[in-house]
Protein backbone atom coordinates (compact mmCIF):
# COMPACT_ATOMS: atom_id res chain seq x y z
CA MET A 1 7.54 103.43 91.34
CA ALA A 2 10.17 100.68 91.35
CA GLU A 3 9.71 97.63 93.52
CA ILE A 4 12.49 96.53 95.83
CA ASN A 5 12.70 93.03 97.26
CA ILE A 6 14.96 92.27 100.18
CA VAL A 7 16.27 88.71 100.15
CA HIS A 8 17.49 87.33 103.45
CA ILE A 9 20.33 84.87 103.21
CA ASN A 10 19.62 81.70 105.17
CA GLN A 11 21.83 78.71 105.93
CA ASP A 12 20.62 76.82 102.85
CA VAL A 13 21.74 79.67 100.57
CA LEU A 14 25.09 79.87 102.37
CA ASN A 15 25.61 76.11 101.99
CA LYS A 16 24.84 76.22 98.26
CA ALA A 17 27.09 79.26 97.82
CA TRP A 18 29.92 77.42 99.57
CA GLU A 19 29.47 74.48 97.17
CA ILE A 20 29.89 76.85 94.21
CA PHE A 21 32.86 78.54 95.90
CA GLU A 22 34.64 75.19 96.24
CA LYS A 23 33.54 73.73 92.87
CA TYR A 24 34.75 76.73 90.85
CA SER A 25 37.91 77.51 92.82
CA ASP A 26 39.76 77.94 89.51
CA LYS A 27 37.59 80.99 88.71
CA ASP A 28 38.46 82.96 91.86
CA PHE A 29 34.79 83.74 92.52
CA PRO A 30 34.42 85.79 95.70
CA PHE A 31 32.06 84.17 98.20
CA THR A 32 29.71 87.16 97.92
CA ASP A 33 29.38 86.50 94.17
CA CYS A 34 28.59 82.84 94.89
CA THR A 35 25.85 83.95 97.26
CA SER A 36 24.48 86.26 94.56
CA PHE A 37 24.53 83.42 92.02
CA ILE A 38 22.29 81.33 94.27
CA VAL A 39 19.82 84.15 94.90
CA ILE A 40 19.68 85.02 91.20
CA GLU A 41 18.98 81.38 90.34
CA MET A 42 16.30 81.16 93.06
CA LEU A 43 14.57 84.17 91.52
CA GLY A 44 14.70 82.65 88.03
CA ILE A 45 16.77 85.48 86.61
CA ASN A 46 19.24 84.89 83.77
CA GLU A 47 20.29 88.47 82.89
CA VAL A 48 22.24 90.63 85.34
CA PHE A 49 23.49 94.20 85.19
CA SER A 50 27.12 93.99 86.22
CA PHE A 51 30.60 94.94 85.13
CA ASP A 52 31.86 91.85 87.00
CA LYS A 53 32.99 89.11 84.59
CA HIS A 54 32.29 86.40 87.17
CA PHE A 55 28.55 86.53 86.50
CA GLU A 56 29.16 85.80 82.83
CA GLN A 57 31.70 83.09 83.66
CA TYR A 58 29.07 81.41 85.85
CA GLY A 59 26.60 81.43 82.95
CA PHE A 60 24.41 84.52 83.27
CA VAL A 61 23.91 87.03 80.49
CA ARG A 62 25.80 90.10 81.70
CA LEU A 63 24.45 93.52 80.78
CA PRO A 64 25.54 95.89 79.49
CA ILE A 65 27.14 93.82 76.79
CA LEU A 66 30.56 95.33 76.22
């Protein structure tokens, strides 16, 4: 059976996401993606399953590789 972890977004995560949102304004990252970036980094993950190019632009390995 697969394990599911629920991650609650606290003020610290929101603050860090906002920093990314402002720093990379040229990339048009949605704020929700910025929040995901922080959570993914907190979990020590570097590969993500997504069709969203923003994850690759931020520096993650995006799967599936197209």
